[in-house]
Structures are given as structure tokens and as C-alpha cells.
Amino acid sequence: VVAFVMNVISRRHEFQADSYAKKLGFGS
């Protein structure tokens, strides 16, 4: 269960980091 929760958090972080790169103007 802990491993699953950590994956959920990690995946959320990846989406957030992608969004941050997009905000920097590097979406495409």
C-alpha cells in the first residue's frame, strides 16, 4: 500500500513538473 501511495505521489509530481516546463514556454 505504501509503495502504491508513493507511486501516486511520484506520478503527481511528474505531471506537475511537466506543467512547470510548459509554463516556462517549453510545452511543445
mmCIF file of all heavy atoms, coordinates in Angstrom:
data_MODEL
# 
_entry.id   MODEL 
# 
loop_
_atom_site.group_PDB 
_atom_site.id 
_atom_site.type_symbol 
_atom_site.label_atom_id 
_atom_site.label_alt_id 
_atom_site.label_comp_id 
_atom_site.label_asym_id 
_atom_site.label_entity_id 
_atom_site.label_seq_id 
_atom_site.pdbx_PDB_ins_code 
_atom_site.Cartn_x 
_atom_site.Cartn_y 
_atom_site.Cartn_z 
_atom_site.occupancy 
_atom_site.B_iso_or_equiv 
_atom_site.pdbx_formal_charge 
_atom_site.auth_seq_id 
_atom_site.auth_comp_id 
_atom_site.auth_asym_id 
_atom_site.auth_atom_id 
_atom_site.pdbx_PDB_model_num 
ATOM 1   N N   . VAL A 1 1  ? 0.845  -1.198 0.000   1.00 0.00 ? 1  VAL A N   1 
ATOM 2   C CA  . VAL A 1 1  ? 0.000  0.000  0.000   1.00 0.00 ? 1  VAL A CA  1 
ATOM 3   C C   . VAL A 1 1  ? 0.881  1.250  0.000   1.00 0.00 ? 1  VAL A C   1 
ATOM 4   O O   . VAL A 1 1  ? 0.620  2.198  -0.752  1.00 0.00 ? 1  VAL A O   1 
ATOM 5   C CB  . VAL A 1 1  ? -0.964 -0.003 1.205   1.00 0.00 ? 1  VAL A CB  1 
ATOM 6   C CG1 . VAL A 1 1  ? -1.699 1.319  1.332   1.00 0.00 ? 1  VAL A CG1 1 
ATOM 7   C CG2 . VAL A 1 1  ? -1.942 -1.165 1.099   1.00 0.00 ? 1  VAL A CG2 1 
ATOM 8   N N   . VAL A 1 2  ? 1.924  1.241  0.812   1.00 0.00 ? 2  VAL A N   1 
ATOM 9   C CA  . VAL A 1 2  ? 2.840  2.391  0.863   1.00 0.00 ? 2  VAL A CA  1 
ATOM 10  C C   . VAL A 1 2  ? 3.498  2.602  -0.499  1.00 0.00 ? 2  VAL A C   1 
ATOM 11  O O   . VAL A 1 2  ? 3.608  3.739  -0.983  1.00 0.00 ? 2  VAL A O   1 
ATOM 12  C CB  . VAL A 1 2  ? 3.900  2.203  1.972   1.00 0.00 ? 2  VAL A CB  1 
ATOM 13  C CG1 . VAL A 1 2  ? 5.009  3.246  1.857   1.00 0.00 ? 2  VAL A CG1 1 
ATOM 14  C CG2 . VAL A 1 2  ? 3.249  2.254  3.339   1.00 0.00 ? 2  VAL A CG2 1 
ATOM 15  N N   . ALA A 1 3  ? 3.929  1.516  -1.143  1.00 0.00 ? 3  ALA A N   1 
ATOM 16  C CA  . ALA A 1 3  ? 4.560  1.627  -2.466  1.00 0.00 ? 3  ALA A CA  1 
ATOM 17  C C   . ALA A 1 3  ? 3.575  2.222  -3.478  1.00 0.00 ? 3  ALA A C   1 
ATOM 18  O O   . ALA A 1 3  ? 3.961  3.074  -4.297  1.00 0.00 ? 3  ALA A O   1 
ATOM 19  C CB  . ALA A 1 3  ? 5.048  0.261  -2.938  1.00 0.00 ? 3  ALA A CB  1 
ATOM 20  N N   . PHE A 1 4  ? 2.318  1.808  -3.417  1.00 0.00 ? 4  PHE A N   1 
ATOM 21  C CA  . PHE A 1 4  ? 1.310  2.360  -4.317  1.00 0.00 ? 4  PHE A CA  1 
ATOM 22  C C   . PHE A 1 4  ? 1.114  3.852  -4.063  1.00 0.00 ? 4  PHE A C   1 
ATOM 23  O O   . PHE A 1 4  ? 1.074  4.661  -4.998  1.00 0.00 ? 4  PHE A O   1 
ATOM 24  C CB  . PHE A 1 4  ? -0.015 1.607  -4.163  1.00 0.00 ? 4  PHE A CB  1 
ATOM 25  C CG  . PHE A 1 4  ? -1.129 2.210  -4.961  1.00 0.00 ? 4  PHE A CG  1 
ATOM 26  C CD1 . PHE A 1 4  ? -1.150 2.095  -6.347  1.00 0.00 ? 4  PHE A CD1 1 
ATOM 27  C CD2 . PHE A 1 4  ? -2.152 2.902  -4.335  1.00 0.00 ? 4  PHE A CD2 1 
ATOM 28  C CE1 . PHE A 1 4  ? -2.173 2.660  -7.090  1.00 0.00 ? 4  PHE A CE1 1 
ATOM 29  C CE2 . PHE A 1 4  ? -3.171 3.465  -5.071  1.00 0.00 ? 4  PHE A CE2 1 
ATOM 30  C CZ  . PHE A 1 4  ? -3.181 3.346  -6.452  1.00 0.00 ? 4  PHE A CZ  1 
ATOM 31  N N   . VAL A 1 5  ? 1.018  4.241  -2.795  1.00 0.00 ? 5  VAL A N   1 
ATOM 32  C CA  . VAL A 1 5  ? 0.839  5.659  -2.453  1.00 0.00 ? 5  VAL A CA  1 
ATOM 33  C C   . VAL A 1 5  ? 2.039  6.472  -2.922  1.00 0.00 ? 5  VAL A C   1 
ATOM 34  O O   . VAL A 1 5  ? 1.882  7.579  -3.461  1.00 0.00 ? 5  VAL A O   1 
ATOM 35  C CB  . VAL A 1 5  ? 0.590  5.825  -0.934  1.00 0.00 ? 5  VAL A CB  1 
ATOM 36  C CG1 . VAL A 1 5  ? 0.665  7.286  -0.518  1.00 0.00 ? 5  VAL A CG1 1 
ATOM 37  C CG2 . VAL A 1 5  ? -0.747 5.225  -0.548  1.00 0.00 ? 5  VAL A CG2 1 
ATOM 38  N N   . MET A 1 6  ? 3.243  5.931  -2.760  1.00 0.00 ? 6  MET A N   1 
ATOM 39  C CA  . MET A 1 6  ? 4.448  6.642  -3.215  1.00 0.00 ? 6  MET A CA  1 
ATOM 40  C C   . MET A 1 6  ? 4.443  6.791  -4.737  1.00 0.00 ? 6  MET A C   1 
ATOM 41  O O   . MET A 1 6  ? 4.870  7.821  -5.264  1.00 0.00 ? 6  MET A O   1 
ATOM 42  C CB  . MET A 1 6  ? 5.719  5.932  -2.741  1.00 0.00 ? 6  MET A CB  1 
ATOM 43  C CG  . MET A 1 6  ? 5.942  6.024  -1.250  1.00 0.00 ? 6  MET A CG  1 
ATOM 44  S SD  . MET A 1 6  ? 5.973  7.712  -0.604  1.00 0.00 ? 6  MET A SD  1 
ATOM 45  C CE  . MET A 1 6  ? 7.484  8.328  -1.323  1.00 0.00 ? 6  MET A CE  1 
ATOM 46  N N   . ASN A 1 7  ? 3.960  5.785  -5.455  1.00 0.00 ? 7  ASN A N   1 
ATOM 47  C CA  . ASN A 1 7  ? 3.848  5.901  -6.908  1.00 0.00 ? 7  ASN A CA  1 
ATOM 48  C C   . ASN A 1 7  ? 2.822  6.963  -7.295  1.00 0.00 ? 7  ASN A C   1 
ATOM 49  O O   . ASN A 1 7  ? 3.034  7.716  -8.248  1.00 0.00 ? 7  ASN A O   1 
ATOM 50  C CB  . ASN A 1 7  ? 3.486  4.561  -7.541  1.00 0.00 ? 7  ASN A CB  1 
ATOM 51  C CG  . ASN A 1 7  ? 4.697  3.697  -7.767  1.00 0.00 ? 7  ASN A CG  1 
ATOM 52  O OD1 . ASN A 1 7  ? 5.830  4.143  -7.676  1.00 0.00 ? 7  ASN A OD1 1 
ATOM 53  N ND2 . ASN A 1 7  ? 4.465  2.443  -8.082  1.00 0.00 ? 7  ASN A ND2 1 
ATOM 54  N N   . VAL A 1 8  ? 1.721  7.032  -6.566  1.00 0.00 ? 8  VAL A N   1 
ATOM 55  C CA  . VAL A 1 8  ? 0.709  8.054  -6.835  1.00 0.00 ? 8  VAL A CA  1 
ATOM 56  C C   . VAL A 1 8  ? 1.321  9.447  -6.648  1.00 0.00 ? 8  VAL A C   1 
ATOM 57  O O   . VAL A 1 8  ? 1.139  10.339 -7.486  1.00 0.00 ? 8  VAL A O   1 
ATOM 58  C CB  . VAL A 1 8  ? -0.534 7.867  -5.931  1.00 0.00 ? 8  VAL A CB  1 
ATOM 59  C CG1 . VAL A 1 8  ? -1.459 9.074  -5.986  1.00 0.00 ? 8  VAL A CG1 1 
ATOM 60  C CG2 . VAL A 1 8  ? -1.280 6.600  -6.310  1.00 0.00 ? 8  VAL A CG2 1 
ATOM 61  N N   . ILE A 1 9  ? 2.066  9.612  -5.566  1.00 0.00 ? 9  ILE A N   1 
ATOM 62  C CA  . ILE A 1 9  ? 2.717  10.905 -5.305  1.00 0.00 ? 9  ILE A CA  1 
ATOM 63  C C   . ILE A 1 9  ? 3.743  11.211 -6.391  1.00 0.00 ? 9  ILE A C   1 
ATOM 64  O O   . ILE A 1 9  ? 3.790  12.331 -6.914  1.00 0.00 ? 9  ILE A O   1 
ATOM 65  C CB  . ILE A 1 9  ? 3.363  10.903 -3.903  1.00 0.00 ? 9  ILE A CB  1 
ATOM 66  C CG1 . ILE A 1 9  ? 2.284  10.877 -2.823  1.00 0.00 ? 9  ILE A CG1 1 
ATOM 67  C CG2 . ILE A 1 9  ? 4.289  12.100 -3.724  1.00 0.00 ? 9  ILE A CG2 1 
ATOM 68  C CD1 . ILE A 1 9  ? 2.797  10.597 -1.428  1.00 0.00 ? 9  ILE A CD1 1 
ATOM 69  N N   . SER A 1 10 ? 4.550  10.232 -6.741  1.00 0.00 ? 10 SER A N   1 
ATOM 70  C CA  . SER A 1 10 ? 5.575  10.430 -7.763  1.00 0.00 ? 10 SER A CA  1 
ATOM 71  C C   . SER A 1 10 ? 4.954  10.793 -9.105  1.00 0.00 ? 10 SER A C   1 
ATOM 72  O O   . SER A 1 10 ? 5.434  11.701 -9.808  1.00 0.00 ? 10 SER A O   1 
ATOM 73  C CB  . SER A 1 10 ? 6.432  9.170  -7.893  1.00 0.00 ? 10 SER A CB  1 
ATOM 74  O OG  . SER A 1 10 ? 7.361  9.308  -8.942  1.00 0.00 ? 10 SER A OG  1 
ATOM 75  N N   . ARG A 1 11 ? 3.896  10.106 -9.474  1.00 0.00 ? 11 ARG A N   1 
ATOM 76  C CA  . ARG A 1 11 ? 3.234  10.386 -10.752 1.00 0.00 ? 11 ARG A CA  1 
ATOM 77  C C   . ARG A 1 11 ? 2.640  11.791 -10.741 1.00 0.00 ? 11 ARG A C   1 
ATOM 78  O O   . ARG A 1 11 ? 2.708  12.517 -11.732 1.00 0.00 ? 11 ARG A O   1 
ATOM 79  C CB  . ARG A 1 11 ? 2.161  9.334  -11.031 1.00 0.00 ? 11 ARG A CB  1 
ATOM 80  C CG  . ARG A 1 11 ? 2.753  7.968  -11.337 1.00 0.00 ? 11 ARG A CG  1 
ATOM 81  C CD  . ARG A 1 11 ? 1.734  6.865  -11.211 1.00 0.00 ? 11 ARG A CD  1 
ATOM 82  N NE  . ARG A 1 11 ? 0.691  6.938  -12.189 1.00 0.00 ? 11 ARG A NE  1 
ATOM 83  C CZ  . ARG A 1 11 ? 0.679  6.237  -13.327 1.00 0.00 ? 11 ARG A CZ  1 
ATOM 84  N NH1 . ARG A 1 11 ? 1.657  5.417  -13.595 1.00 0.00 ? 11 ARG A NH1 1 
ATOM 85  N NH2 . ARG A 1 11 ? -0.314 6.359  -14.173 1.00 0.00 ? 11 ARG A NH2 1 
ATOM 86  N N   . ARG A 1 12 ? 2.079  12.191 -9.619  1.00 0.00 ? 12 ARG A N   1 
ATOM 87  C CA  . ARG A 1 12 ? 1.543  13.560 -9.494  1.00 0.00 ? 12 ARG A CA  1 
ATOM 88  C C   . ARG A 1 12 ? 2.669  14.572 -9.657  1.00 0.00 ? 12 ARG A C   1 
ATOM 89  O O   . ARG A 1 12 ? 2.507  15.591 -10.337 1.00 0.00 ? 12 ARG A O   1 
ATOM 90  C CB  . ARG A 1 12 ? 0.853  13.710 -8.138  1.00 0.00 ? 12 ARG A CB  1 
ATOM 91  C CG  . ARG A 1 12 ? 0.202  15.040 -7.938  1.00 0.00 ? 12 ARG A CG  1 
ATOM 92  C CD  . ARG A 1 12 ? -0.668 15.025 -6.684  1.00 0.00 ? 12 ARG A CD  1 
ATOM 93  N NE  . ARG A 1 12 ? -1.312 16.296 -6.520  1.00 0.00 ? 12 ARG A NE  1 
ATOM 94  C CZ  . ARG A 1 12 ? -0.996 17.182 -5.580  1.00 0.00 ? 12 ARG A CZ  1 
ATOM 95  N NH1 . ARG A 1 12 ? -0.062 16.910 -4.696  1.00 0.00 ? 12 ARG A NH1 1 
ATOM 96  N NH2 . ARG A 1 12 ? -1.642 18.327 -5.505  1.00 0.00 ? 12 ARG A NH2 1 
ATOM 97  N N   . HIS A 1 13 ? 3.812  14.297 -9.049  1.00 0.00 ? 13 HIS A N   1 
ATOM 98  C CA  . HIS A 1 13 ? 4.968  15.184 -9.184  1.00 0.00 ? 13 HIS A CA  1 
ATOM 99  C C   . HIS A 1 13 ? 5.423  15.284 -10.639 1.00 0.00 ? 13 HIS A C   1 
ATOM 100 O O   . HIS A 1 13 ? 5.835  16.361 -11.089 1.00 0.00 ? 13 HIS A O   1 
ATOM 101 C CB  . HIS A 1 13 ? 6.117  14.707 -8.301  1.00 0.00 ? 13 HIS A CB  1 
ATOM 102 C CG  . HIS A 1 13 ? 5.898  14.962 -6.852  1.00 0.00 ? 13 HIS A CG  1 
ATOM 103 N ND1 . HIS A 1 13 ? 6.742  14.477 -5.876  1.00 0.00 ? 13 HIS A ND1 1 
ATOM 104 C CD2 . HIS A 1 13 ? 4.936  15.649 -6.184  1.00 0.00 ? 13 HIS A CD2 1 
ATOM 105 C CE1 . HIS A 1 13 ? 6.308  14.856 -4.688  1.00 0.00 ? 13 HIS A CE1 1 
ATOM 106 N NE2 . HIS A 1 13 ? 5.209  15.568 -4.854  1.00 0.00 ? 13 HIS A NE2 1 
ATOM 107 N N   . GLU A 1 14 ? 5.383  14.176 -11.355 1.00 0.00 ? 14 GLU A N   1 
ATOM 108 C CA  . GLU A 1 14 ? 5.787  14.199 -12.769 1.00 0.00 ? 14 GLU A CA  1 
ATOM 109 C C   . GLU A 1 14 ? 4.856  15.090 -13.590 1.00 0.00 ? 14 GLU A C   1 
ATOM 110 O O   . GLU A 1 14 ? 5.327  15.870 -14.422 1.00 0.00 ? 14 GLU A O   1 
ATOM 111 C CB  . GLU A 1 14 ? 5.825  12.780 -13.341 1.00 0.00 ? 14 GLU A CB  1 
ATOM 112 C CG  . GLU A 1 14 ? 6.940  11.925 -12.798 1.00 0.00 ? 14 GLU A CG  1 
ATOM 113 C CD  . GLU A 1 14 ? 8.307  12.543 -12.989 1.00 0.00 ? 14 GLU A CD  1 
ATOM 114 O OE1 . GLU A 1 14 ? 8.617  13.014 -14.106 1.00 0.00 ? 14 GLU A OE1 1 
ATOM 115 O OE2 . GLU A 1 14 ? 9.079  12.570 -12.022 1.00 0.00 ? 14 GLU A OE2 1 
ATOM 116 N N   . PHE A 1 15 ? 3.560  14.984 -13.354 1.00 0.00 ? 15 PHE A N   1 
ATOM 117 C CA  . PHE A 1 15 ? 2.622  15.856 -14.056 1.00 0.00 ? 15 PHE A CA  1 
ATOM 118 C C   . PHE A 1 15 ? 2.871  17.322 -13.709 1.00 0.00 ? 15 PHE A C   1 
ATOM 119 O O   . PHE A 1 15 ? 2.818  18.199 -14.572 1.00 0.00 ? 15 PHE A O   1 
ATOM 120 C CB  . PHE A 1 15 ? 1.170  15.480 -13.722 1.00 0.00 ? 15 PHE A CB  1 
ATOM 121 C CG  . PHE A 1 15 ? 0.692  14.220 -14.386 1.00 0.00 ? 15 PHE A CG  1 
ATOM 122 C CD1 . PHE A 1 15 ? 0.161  13.190 -13.634 1.00 0.00 ? 15 PHE A CD1 1 
ATOM 123 C CD2 . PHE A 1 15 ? 0.754  14.070 -15.764 1.00 0.00 ? 15 PHE A CD2 1 
ATOM 124 C CE1 . PHE A 1 15 ? -0.298 12.029 -14.240 1.00 0.00 ? 15 PHE A CE1 1 
ATOM 125 C CE2 . PHE A 1 15 ? 0.288  12.915 -16.386 1.00 0.00 ? 15 PHE A CE2 1 
ATOM 126 C CZ  . PHE A 1 15 ? -0.228 11.891 -15.614 1.00 0.00 ? 15 PHE A CZ  1 
ATOM 127 N N   . GLN A 1 16 ? 3.149  17.590 -12.432 1.00 0.00 ? 16 GLN A N   1 
ATOM 128 C CA  . GLN A 1 16 ? 3.412  18.968 -12.010 1.00 0.00 ? 16 GLN A CA  1 
ATOM 129 C C   . GLN A 1 16 ? 4.694  19.509 -12.647 1.00 0.00 ? 16 GLN A C   1 
ATOM 130 O O   . GLN A 1 16 ? 4.737  20.674 -13.062 1.00 0.00 ? 16 GLN A O   1 
ATOM 131 C CB  . GLN A 1 16 ? 3.504  19.045 -10.485 1.00 0.00 ? 16 GLN A CB  1 
ATOM 132 C CG  . GLN A 1 16 ? 2.187  18.843 -9.788  1.00 0.00 ? 16 GLN A CG  1 
ATOM 133 C CD  . GLN A 1 16 ? 2.326  18.741 -8.277  1.00 0.00 ? 16 GLN A CD  1 
ATOM 134 O OE1 . GLN A 1 16 ? 3.410  18.547 -7.738  1.00 0.00 ? 16 GLN A OE1 1 
ATOM 135 N NE2 . GLN A 1 16 ? 1.198  18.860 -7.583  1.00 0.00 ? 16 GLN A NE2 1 
ATOM 136 N N   . ALA A 1 17 ? 5.730  18.675 -12.714 1.00 0.00 ? 17 ALA A N   1 
ATOM 137 C CA  . ALA A 1 17 ? 6.989  19.116 -13.332 1.00 0.00 ? 17 ALA A CA  1 
ATOM 138 C C   . ALA A 1 17 ? 6.812  19.341 -14.828 1.00 0.00 ? 17 ALA A C   1 
ATOM 139 O O   . ALA A 1 17 ? 7.376  20.281 -15.394 1.00 0.00 ? 17 ALA A O   1 
ATOM 140 C CB  . ALA A 1 17 ? 8.095  18.100 -13.055 1.00 0.00 ? 17 ALA A CB  1 
ATOM 141 N N   . ASP A 1 18 ? 6.015  18.493 -15.474 1.00 0.00 ? 18 ASP A N   1 
ATOM 142 C CA  . ASP A 1 18 ? 5.695  18.716 -16.887 1.00 0.00 ? 18 ASP A CA  1 
ATOM 143 C C   . ASP A 1 18 ? 4.979  20.051 -17.060 1.00 0.00 ? 18 ASP A C   1 
ATOM 144 O O   . ASP A 1 18 ? 5.284  20.823 -17.978 1.00 0.00 ? 18 ASP A O   1 
ATOM 145 C CB  . ASP A 1 18 ? 4.811  17.590 -17.436 1.00 0.00 ? 18 ASP A CB  1 
ATOM 146 C CG  . ASP A 1 18 ? 5.561  16.296 -17.688 1.00 0.00 ? 18 ASP A CG  1 
ATOM 147 O OD1 . ASP A 1 18 ? 6.809  16.283 -17.609 1.00 0.00 ? 18 ASP A OD1 1 
ATOM 148 O OD2 . ASP A 1 18 ? 4.884  15.278 -17.964 1.00 0.00 ? 18 ASP A OD2 1 
ATOM 149 N N   . SER A 1 19 ? 4.018  20.316 -16.196 1.00 0.00 ? 19 SER A N   1 
ATOM 150 C CA  . SER A 1 19 ? 3.271  21.568 -16.257 1.00 0.00 ? 19 SER A CA  1 
ATOM 151 C C   . SER A 1 19 ? 4.198  22.764 -16.039 1.00 0.00 ? 19 SER A C   1 
ATOM 152 O O   . SER A 1 19 ? 4.042  23.808 -16.686 1.00 0.00 ? 19 SER A O   1 
ATOM 153 C CB  . SER A 1 19 ? 2.154  21.557 -15.211 1.00 0.00 ? 19 SER A CB  1 
ATOM 154 O OG  . SER A 1 19 ? 1.454  22.768 -15.196 1.00 0.00 ? 19 SER A OG  1 
ATOM 155 N N   . TYR A 1 20 ? 5.163  22.606 -15.148 1.00 0.00 ? 20 TYR A N   1 
ATOM 156 C CA  . TYR A 1 20 ? 6.115  23.690 -14.896 1.00 0.00 ? 20 TYR A CA  1 
ATOM 157 C C   . TYR A 1 20 ? 6.959  23.968 -16.137 1.00 0.00 ? 20 TYR A C   1 
ATOM 158 O O   . TYR A 1 20 ? 7.163  25.133 -16.510 1.00 0.00 ? 20 TYR A O   1 
ATOM 159 C CB  . TYR A 1 20 ? 7.015  23.331 -13.706 1.00 0.00 ? 20 TYR A CB  1 
ATOM 160 C CG  . TYR A 1 20 ? 7.947  24.446 -13.328 1.00 0.00 ? 20 TYR A CG  1 
ATOM 161 C CD1 . TYR A 1 20 ? 7.499  25.515 -12.557 1.00 0.00 ? 20 TYR A CD1 1 
ATOM 162 C CD2 . TYR A 1 20 ? 9.278  24.461 -13.745 1.00 0.00 ? 20 TYR A CD2 1 
ATOM 163 C CE1 . TYR A 1 20 ? 8.343  26.555 -12.212 1.00 0.00 ? 20 TYR A CE1 1 
ATOM 164 C CE2 . TYR A 1 20 ? 10.123 25.491 -13.403 1.00 0.00 ? 20 TYR A CE2 1 
ATOM 165 C CZ  . TYR A 1 20 ? 9.653  26.532 -12.639 1.00 0.00 ? 20 TYR A CZ  1 
ATOM 166 O OH  . TYR A 1 20 ? 10.491 27.567 -12.306 1.00 0.00 ? 20 TYR A OH  1 
ATOM 167 N N   . ALA A 1 21 ? 7.428  22.921 -16.801 1.00 0.00 ? 21 ALA A N   1 
ATOM 168 C CA  . ALA A 1 21 ? 8.198  23.104 -18.037 1.00 0.00 ? 21 ALA A CA  1 
ATOM 169 C C   . ALA A 1 21 ? 7.335  23.790 -19.096 1.00 0.00 ? 21 ALA A C   1 
ATOM 170 O O   . ALA A 1 21 ? 7.828  24.644 -19.846 1.00 0.00 ? 21 ALA A O   1 
ATOM 171 C CB  . ALA A 1 21 ? 8.713  21.766 -18.548 1.00 0.00 ? 21 ALA A CB  1 
ATOM 172 N N   . LYS A 1 22 ? 6.062  23.457 -19.126 1.00 0.00 ? 22 LYS A N   1 
ATOM 173 C CA  . LYS A 1 22 ? 5.139  24.106 -20.066 1.00 0.00 ? 22 LYS A CA  1 
ATOM 174 C C   . LYS A 1 22 ? 5.005  25.591 -19.733 1.00 0.00 ? 22 LYS A C   1 
ATOM 175 O O   . LYS A 1 22 ? 5.002  26.435 -20.630 1.00 0.00 ? 22 LYS A O   1 
ATOM 176 C CB  . LYS A 1 22 ? 3.779  23.404 -20.014 1.00 0.00 ? 22 LYS A CB  1 
ATOM 177 C CG  . LYS A 1 22 ? 2.762  23.944 -20.987 1.00 0.00 ? 22 LYS A CG  1 
ATOM 178 C CD  . LYS A 1 22 ? 1.460  23.169 -20.886 1.00 0.00 ? 22 LYS A CD  1 
ATOM 179 C CE  . LYS A 1 22 ? 0.386  23.772 -21.776 1.00 0.00 ? 22 LYS A CE  1 
ATOM 180 N NZ  . LYS A 1 22 ? -0.887 23.049 -21.633 1.00 0.00 ? 22 LYS A NZ  1 
ATOM 181 N N   . LYS A 1 23 ? 4.905  25.931 -18.440 1.00 0.00 ? 23 LYS A N   1 
ATOM 182 C CA  . LYS A 1 23 ? 4.817  27.336 -18.027 1.00 0.00 ? 23 LYS A CA  1 
ATOM 183 C C   . LYS A 1 23 ? 6.074  28.120 -18.389 1.00 0.00 ? 23 LYS A C   1 
ATOM 184 O O   . LYS A 1 23 ? 6.019  29.323 -18.605 1.00 0.00 ? 23 LYS A O   1 
ATOM 185 C CB  . LYS A 1 23 ? 4.557  27.435 -16.518 1.00 0.00 ? 23 LYS A CB  1 
ATOM 186 C CG  . LYS A 1 23 ? 3.156  27.077 -16.118 1.00 0.00 ? 23 LYS A CG  1 
ATOM 187 C CD  . LYS A 1 23 ? 2.979  27.158 -14.624 1.00 0.00 ? 23 LYS A CD  1 
ATOM 188 C CE  . LYS A 1 23 ? 1.624  26.589 -14.238 1.00 0.00 ? 23 LYS A CE  1 
ATOM 189 N NZ  . LYS A 1 23 ? 1.483  26.462 -12.791 1.00 0.00 ? 23 LYS A NZ  1 
ATOM 190 N N   . LEU A 1 24 ? 7.208  27.420 -18.453 1.00 0.00 ? 24 LEU A N   1 
ATOM 191 C CA  . LEU A 1 24 ? 8.456  28.072 -18.863 1.00 0.00 ? 24 LEU A CA  1 
ATOM 192 C C   . LEU A 1 24 ? 8.497  28.318 -20.368 1.00 0.00 ? 24 LEU A C   1 
ATOM 193 O O   . LEU A 1 24 ? 9.421  28.945 -20.873 1.00 0.00 ? 24 LEU A O   1 
ATOM 194 C CB  . LEU A 1 24 ? 9.665  27.230 -18.445 1.00 0.00 ? 24 LEU A CB  1 
ATOM 195 C CG  . LEU A 1 24 ? 9.976  27.142 -16.958 1.00 0.00 ? 24 LEU A CG  1 
ATOM 196 C CD1 . LEU A 1 24 ? 11.125 26.165 -16.707 1.00 0.00 ? 24 LEU A CD1 1 
ATOM 197 C CD2 . LEU A 1 24 ? 10.312 28.516 -16.395 1.00 0.00 ? 24 LEU A CD2 1 
ATOM 198 N N   . GLY A 1 25 ? 7.500  27.804 -21.072 1.00 0.00 ? 25 GLY A N   1 
ATOM 199 C CA  . GLY A 1 25 ? 7.422  28.016 -22.514 1.00 0.00 ? 25 GLY A CA  1 
ATOM 200 C C   . GLY A 1 25 ? 7.945  26.858 -23.343 1.00 0.00 ? 25 GLY A C   1 
ATOM 201 O O   . GLY A 1 25 ? 8.213  27.021 -24.535 1.00 0.00 ? 25 GLY A O   1 
ATOM 202 N N   . PHE A 1 26 ? 8.070  25.679 -22.718 1.00 0.00 ? 26 PHE A N   1 
ATOM 203 C CA  . PHE A 1 26 ? 8.627  24.520 -23.412 1.00 0.00 ? 26 PHE A CA  1 
ATOM 204 C C   . PHE A 1 26 ? 7.609  23.401 -23.609 1.00 0.00 ? 26 PHE A C   1 
ATOM 205 O O   . PHE A 1 26 ? 7.980  22.240 -23.706 1.00 0.00 ? 26 PHE A O   1 
ATOM 206 C CB  . PHE A 1 26 ? 9.832  23.969 -22.643 1.00 0.00 ? 26 PHE A CB  1 
ATOM 207 C CG  . PHE A 1 26 ? 10.984 24.922 -22.564 1.00 0.00 ? 26 PHE A CG  1 
ATOM 208 C CD1 . PHE A 1 26 ? 11.314 25.523 -21.362 1.00 0.00 ? 26 PHE A CD1 1 
ATOM 209 C CD2 . PHE A 1 26 ? 11.734 25.216 -23.687 1.00 0.00 ? 26 PHE A CD2 1 
ATOM 210 C CE1 . PHE A 1 26 ? 12.386 26.396 -21.286 1.00 0.00 ? 26 PHE A CE1 1 
ATOM 211 C CE2 . PHE A 1 26 ? 12.801 26.085 -23.620 1.00 0.00 ? 26 PHE A CE2 1 
ATOM 212 C CZ  . PHE A 1 26 ? 13.124 26.687 -22.413 1.00 0.00 ? 26 PHE A CZ  1 
ATOM 213 N N   . GLY A 1 27 ? 6.320  23.738 -23.692 1.00 0.00 ? 27 GLY A N   1 
ATOM 214 C CA  . GLY A 1 27 ? 5.291  22.706 -23.809 1.00 0.00 ? 27 GLY A CA  1 
ATOM 215 C C   . GLY A 1 27 ? 5.456  21.834 -25.040 1.00 0.00 ? 27 GLY A C   1 
ATOM 216 O O   . GLY A 1 27 ? 5.488  20.606 -24.941 1.00 0.00 ? 27 GLY A O   1 
ATOM 217 N N   . SER A 1 28 ? 5.558  22.443 -26.206 1.00 0.00 ? 28 SER A N   1 
ATOM 218 C CA  . SER A 1 28 ? 5.660  21.644 -27.438 1.00 0.00 ? 28 SER A CA  1 
ATOM 219 C C   . SER A 1 28 ? 7.002  20.918 -27.517 1.00 0.00 ? 28 SER A C   1 
ATOM 220 O O   . SER A 1 28 ? 7.068  19.772 -27.978 1.00 0.00 ? 28 SER A O   1 
ATOM 221 C CB  . SER A 1 28 ? 5.452  22.521 -28.674 1.00 0.00 ? 28 SER A CB  1 
ATOM 222 O OG  . SER A 1 28 ? 6.452  23.516 -28.753 1.00 0.00 ? 28 SER A OG  1 
# 
